[in-house]
Amino acid sequence: MLPTQGTLTRLPVDALAAVLDEVGAAVDALGGCSTMSYTTVALTAPRSAST
């Protein structure tokens, strides 16, 4: 999976398909999978009253 924002989202459909094909071929050549660790952080805060 590639990022869903940034330069790739601005490519024409045919150009994006070519990039995805090449990336897929590169991943396949390296064993066919990639594992990525990530952490999601959520911050919350109470809203203070208006004065």
PDB file of N, CA and C in Angstrom:
ATOM      1  N   MET A   1       0.846  -1.167   0.000  1.00  0.00           N
ATOM      2  CA  MET A   1       0.000   0.000   0.000  1.00  0.00           C
ATOM      3  C   MET A   1       0.893   1.232   0.000  1.00  0.00           C
ATOM      4  N   LEU A   2       0.497   2.193  -0.781  1.00  0.00           N
ATOM      5  CA  LEU A   2       1.250   3.437  -0.868  1.00  0.00           C
ATOM      6  C   LEU A   2       0.455   4.566  -0.219  1.00  0.00           C
ATOM      7  N   PRO A   3       1.120   5.643   0.108  1.00  0.00           N
ATOM      8  CA  PRO A   3       0.407   6.756   0.723  1.00  0.00           C
ATOM      9  C   PRO A   3      -0.771   7.222  -0.123  1.00  0.00           C
ATOM     10  N   THR A   4      -1.815   7.682   0.556  1.00  0.00           N
ATOM     11  CA  THR A   4      -3.003   8.140  -0.154  1.00  0.00           C
ATOM     12  C   THR A   4      -3.044   9.648  -0.299  1.00  0.00           C
ATOM     13  N   GLN A   5      -1.965  10.301   0.044  1.00  0.00           N
ATOM     14  CA  GLN A   5      -1.898  11.741  -0.154  1.00  0.00           C
ATOM     15  C   GLN A   5      -0.517  12.108  -0.660  1.00  0.00           C
ATOM     16  N   GLY A   6      -0.413  13.235  -1.275  1.00  0.00           N
ATOM     17  CA  GLY A   6       0.874  13.671  -1.793  1.00  0.00           C
ATOM     18  C   GLY A   6       0.925  13.564  -3.303  1.00  0.00           C
ATOM     19  N   THR A   7       2.120  13.444  -3.823  1.00  0.00           N
ATOM     20  CA  THR A   7       2.347  13.466  -5.266  1.00  0.00           C
ATOM     21  C   THR A   7       1.599  12.366  -6.006  1.00  0.00           C
ATOM     22  N   LEU A   8       1.536  11.174  -5.435  1.00  0.00           N
ATOM     23  CA  LEU A   8       0.896  10.066  -6.144  1.00  0.00           C
ATOM     24  C   LEU A   8      -0.579  10.316  -6.428  1.00  0.00           C
ATOM     25  N   THR A   9      -1.253  11.077  -5.598  1.00  0.00           N
ATOM     26  CA  THR A   9      -2.679  11.330  -5.820  1.00  0.00           C
ATOM     27  C   THR A   9      -2.916  12.268  -6.991  1.00  0.00           C
ATOM     28  N   ARG A  10      -1.872  12.934  -7.457  1.00  0.00           N
ATOM     29  CA  ARG A  10      -2.013  13.888  -8.558  1.00  0.00           C
ATOM     30  C   ARG A  10      -1.661  13.288  -9.918  1.00  0.00           C
ATOM     31  N   LEU A  11      -1.223  12.049  -9.927  1.00  0.00           N
ATOM     32  CA  LEU A  11      -0.856  11.413 -11.191  1.00  0.00           C
ATOM     33  C   LEU A  11      -2.103  11.015 -11.975  1.00  0.00           C
ATOM     34  N   PRO A  12      -2.013  11.067 -13.311  1.00  0.00           N
ATOM     35  CA  PRO A  12      -3.101  10.519 -14.118  1.00  0.00           C
ATOM     36  C   PRO A  12      -3.229   9.019 -13.841  1.00  0.00           C
ATOM     37  N   VAL A  13      -4.396   8.470 -14.079  1.00  0.00           N
ATOM     38  CA  VAL A  13      -4.677   7.067 -13.754  1.00  0.00           C
ATOM     39  C   VAL A  13      -3.670   6.120 -14.395  1.00  0.00           C
ATOM     40  N   ASP A  14      -3.330   6.336 -15.656  1.00  0.00           N
ATOM     41  CA  ASP A  14      -2.390   5.432 -16.325  1.00  0.00           C
ATOM     42  C   ASP A  14      -0.987   5.518 -15.727  1.00  0.00           C
ATOM     43  N   ALA A  15      -0.558   6.715 -15.342  1.00  0.00           N
ATOM     44  CA  ALA A  15       0.757   6.870 -14.720  1.00  0.00           C
ATOM     45  C   ALA A  15       0.777   6.232 -13.333  1.00  0.00           C
ATOM     46  N   LEU A  16      -0.302   6.401 -12.569  1.00  0.00           N
ATOM     47  CA  LEU A  16      -0.387   5.774 -11.250  1.00  0.00           C
ATOM     48  C   LEU A  16      -0.353   4.255 -11.371  1.00  0.00           C
ATOM     49  N   ALA A  17      -1.049   3.715 -12.357  1.00  0.00           N
ATOM     50  CA  ALA A  17      -1.040   2.261 -12.578  1.00  0.00           C
ATOM     51  C   ALA A  17       0.375   1.769 -12.867  1.00  0.00           C
ATOM     52  N   ALA A  18       1.127   2.529 -13.643  1.00  0.00           N
ATOM     53  CA  ALA A  18       2.505   2.140 -13.955  1.00  0.00           C
ATOM     54  C   ALA A  18       3.369   2.159 -12.693  1.00  0.00           C
ATOM     55  N   VAL A  19       3.207   3.174 -11.853  1.00  0.00           N
ATOM     56  CA  VAL A  19       3.970   3.248 -10.597  1.00  0.00           C
ATOM     57  C   VAL A  19       3.619   2.069  -9.705  1.00  0.00           C
ATOM     58  N   LEU A  20       2.331   1.784  -9.560  1.00  0.00           N
ATOM     59  CA  LEU A  20       1.908   0.664  -8.710  1.00  0.00           C
ATOM     60  C   LEU A  20       2.427  -0.668  -9.232  1.00  0.00           C
ATOM     61  N   ASP A  21       2.443  -0.848 -10.546  1.00  0.00           N
ATOM     62  CA  ASP A  21       2.997  -2.079 -11.132  1.00  0.00           C
ATOM     63  C   ASP A  21       4.484  -2.230 -10.802  1.00  0.00           C
ATOM     64  N   GLU A  22       5.232  -1.140 -10.929  1.00  0.00           N
ATOM     65  CA  GLU A  22       6.664  -1.190 -10.643  1.00  0.00           C
ATOM     66  C   GLU A  22       6.941  -1.441  -9.167  1.00  0.00           C
ATOM     67  N   VAL A  23       6.191  -0.783  -8.302  1.00  0.00           N
ATOM     68  CA  VAL A  23       6.365  -1.000  -6.863  1.00  0.00           C
ATOM     69  C   VAL A  23       6.019  -2.438  -6.509  1.00  0.00           C
ATOM     70  N   GLY A  24       4.929  -2.949  -7.077  1.00  0.00           N
ATOM     71  CA  GLY A  24       4.549  -4.335  -6.835  1.00  0.00           C
ATOM     72  C   GLY A  24       5.628  -5.306  -7.287  1.00  0.00           C
ATOM     73  N   ALA A  25       6.221  -5.050  -8.443  1.00  0.00           N
ATOM     74  CA  ALA A  25       7.298  -5.911  -8.942  1.00  0.00           C
ATOM     75  C   ALA A  25       8.514  -5.853  -8.018  1.00  0.00           C
ATOM     76  N   ALA A  26       8.841  -4.672  -7.518  1.00  0.00           N
ATOM     77  CA  ALA A  26       9.978  -4.538  -6.607  1.00  0.00           C
ATOM     78  C   ALA A  26       9.728  -5.292  -5.304  1.00  0.00           C
ATOM     79  N   VAL A  27       8.512  -5.178  -4.755  1.00  0.00           N
ATOM     80  CA  VAL A  27       8.178  -5.902  -3.524  1.00  0.00           C
ATOM     81  C   VAL A  27       8.228  -7.406  -3.768  1.00  0.00           C
ATOM     82  N   ASP A  28       7.688  -7.858  -4.891  1.00  0.00           N
ATOM     83  CA  ASP A  28       7.739  -9.285  -5.226  1.00  0.00           C
ATOM     84  C   ASP A  28       9.183  -9.777  -5.339  1.00  0.00           C
ATOM     85  N   ALA A  29      10.060  -8.966  -5.927  1.00  0.00           N
ATOM     86  CA  ALA A  29      11.461  -9.356  -6.092  1.00  0.00           C
ATOM     87  C   ALA A  29      12.176  -9.484  -4.745  1.00  0.00           C
ATOM     88  N   LEU A  30      11.664  -8.780  -3.731  1.00  0.00           N
ATOM     89  CA  LEU A  30      12.273  -8.831  -2.400  1.00  0.00           C
ATOM     90  C   LEU A  30      11.600  -9.833  -1.471  1.00  0.00           C
ATOM     91  N   GLY A  31      10.736 -10.664  -2.013  1.00  0.00           N
ATOM     92  CA  GLY A  31      10.108 -11.697  -1.198  1.00  0.00           C
ATOM     93  C   GLY A  31       8.597 -11.613  -1.125  1.00  0.00           C
ATOM     94  N   GLY A  32       8.017 -10.571  -1.657  1.00  0.00           N
ATOM     95  CA  GLY A  32       6.577 -10.515  -1.789  1.00  0.00           C
ATOM     96  C   GLY A  32       5.790  -9.908  -0.642  1.00  0.00           C
ATOM     97  N   CYS A  33       6.461  -9.465   0.402  1.00  0.00           N
ATOM     98  CA  CYS A  33       5.704  -8.833   1.486  1.00  0.00           C
ATOM     99  C   CYS A  33       6.595  -7.858   2.234  1.00  0.00           C
ATOM    100  N   SER A  34       5.943  -7.017   2.991  1.00  0.00           N
ATOM    101  CA  SER A  34       6.654  -6.035   3.790  1.00  0.00           C
ATOM    102  C   SER A  34       5.865  -5.821   5.071  1.00  0.00           C
ATOM    103  N   THR A  35       6.541  -5.845   6.194  1.00  0.00           N
ATOM    104  CA  THR A  35       5.885  -5.621   7.478  1.00  0.00           C
ATOM    105  C   THR A  35       6.339  -4.271   8.013  1.00  0.00           C
ATOM    106  N   MET A  36       5.388  -3.483   8.460  1.00  0.00           N
ATOM    107  CA  MET A  36       5.705  -2.161   8.980  1.00  0.00           C
ATOM    108  C   MET A  36       5.020  -1.972  10.328  1.00  0.00           C
ATOM    109  N   SER A  37       5.778  -1.574  11.294  1.00  0.00           N
ATOM    110  CA  SER A  37       5.212  -1.272  12.603  1.00  0.00           C
ATOM    111  C   SER A  37       4.767   0.174  12.624  1.00  0.00           C
ATOM    112  N   TYR A  38       3.679   0.433  13.314  1.00  0.00           N
ATOM    113  CA  TYR A  38       3.233   1.804  13.462  1.00  0.00           C
ATOM    114  C   TYR A  38       2.448   1.946  14.754  1.00  0.00           C
ATOM    115  N   THR A  39       2.351   3.145  15.222  1.00  0.00           N
ATOM    116  CA  THR A  39       1.611   3.463  16.441  1.00  0.00           C
ATOM    117  C   THR A  39       0.662   4.606  16.134  1.00  0.00           C
ATOM    118  N   THR A  40      -0.545   4.479  16.611  1.00  0.00           N
ATOM    119  CA  THR A  40      -1.526   5.558  16.467  1.00  0.00           C
ATOM    120  C   THR A  40      -1.667   6.260  17.803  1.00  0.00           C
ATOM    121  N   VAL A  41      -1.625   7.570  17.779  1.00  0.00           N
ATOM    122  CA  VAL A  41      -1.747   8.368  18.993  1.00  0.00           C
ATOM    123  C   VAL A  41      -2.949   9.296  18.839  1.00  0.00           C
ATOM    124  N   ALA A  42      -3.782   9.354  19.862  1.00  0.00           N
ATOM    125  CA  ALA A  42      -4.917  10.280  19.874  1.00  0.00           C
ATOM    126  C   ALA A  42      -4.812  11.165  21.103  1.00  0.00           C
ATOM    127  N   LEU A  43      -4.975  12.439  20.906  1.00  0.00           N
ATOM    128  CA  LEU A  43      -4.935  13.400  22.000  1.00  0.00           C
ATOM    129  C   LEU A  43      -6.306  14.041  22.159  1.00  0.00           C
ATOM    130  N   THR A  44      -6.752  14.186  23.374  1.00  0.00           N
ATOM    131  CA  THR A  44      -8.019  14.868  23.630  1.00  0.00           C
ATOM    132  C   THR A  44      -7.806  15.902  24.726  1.00  0.00           C
ATOM    133  N   ALA A  45      -8.648  16.911  24.735  1.00  0.00           N
ATOM    134  CA  ALA A  45      -8.590  17.947  25.765  1.00  0.00           C
ATOM    135  C   ALA A  45      -9.990  18.503  25.960  1.00  0.00           C
ATOM    136  N   PRO A  46     -10.333  18.829  27.181  1.00  0.00           N
ATOM    137  CA  PRO A  46     -11.650  19.444  27.400  1.00  0.00           C
ATOM    138  C   PRO A  46     -11.673  20.860  26.849  1.00  0.00           C
ATOM    139  N   ARG A  47     -12.804  21.267  26.369  1.00  0.00           N
ATOM    140  CA  ARG A  47     -12.966  22.628  25.884  1.00  0.00           C
ATOM    141  C   ARG A  47     -13.228  23.542  27.088  1.00  0.00           C
ATOM    142  N   SER A  48     -12.507  24.647  27.115  1.00  0.00           N
ATOM    143  CA  SER A  48     -12.739  25.591  28.218  1.00  0.00           C
ATOM    144  C   SER A  48     -13.897  26.517  27.858  1.00  0.00           C
ATOM    145  N   ALA A  49     -14.564  27.024  28.868  1.00  0.00           N
ATOM    146  CA  ALA A  49     -15.706  27.919  28.651  1.00  0.00           C
ATOM    147  C   ALA A  49     -15.216  29.250  28.083  1.00  0.00           C
ATOM    148  N   SER A  50     -16.017  29.832  27.229  1.00  0.00           N
ATOM    149  CA  SER A  50     -15.693  31.156  26.668  1.00  0.00           C
ATOM    150  C   SER A  50     -15.869  32.221  27.735  1.00  0.00           C
ATOM    151  N   THR A  51     -15.046  33.244  27.709  1.00  0.00           N
ATOM    152  CA  THR A  51     -15.186  34.343  28.670  1.00  0.00           C
ATOM    153  C   THR A  51     -15.470  35.636  27.966  1.00  0.00           C
TER     154      THR A  51
END
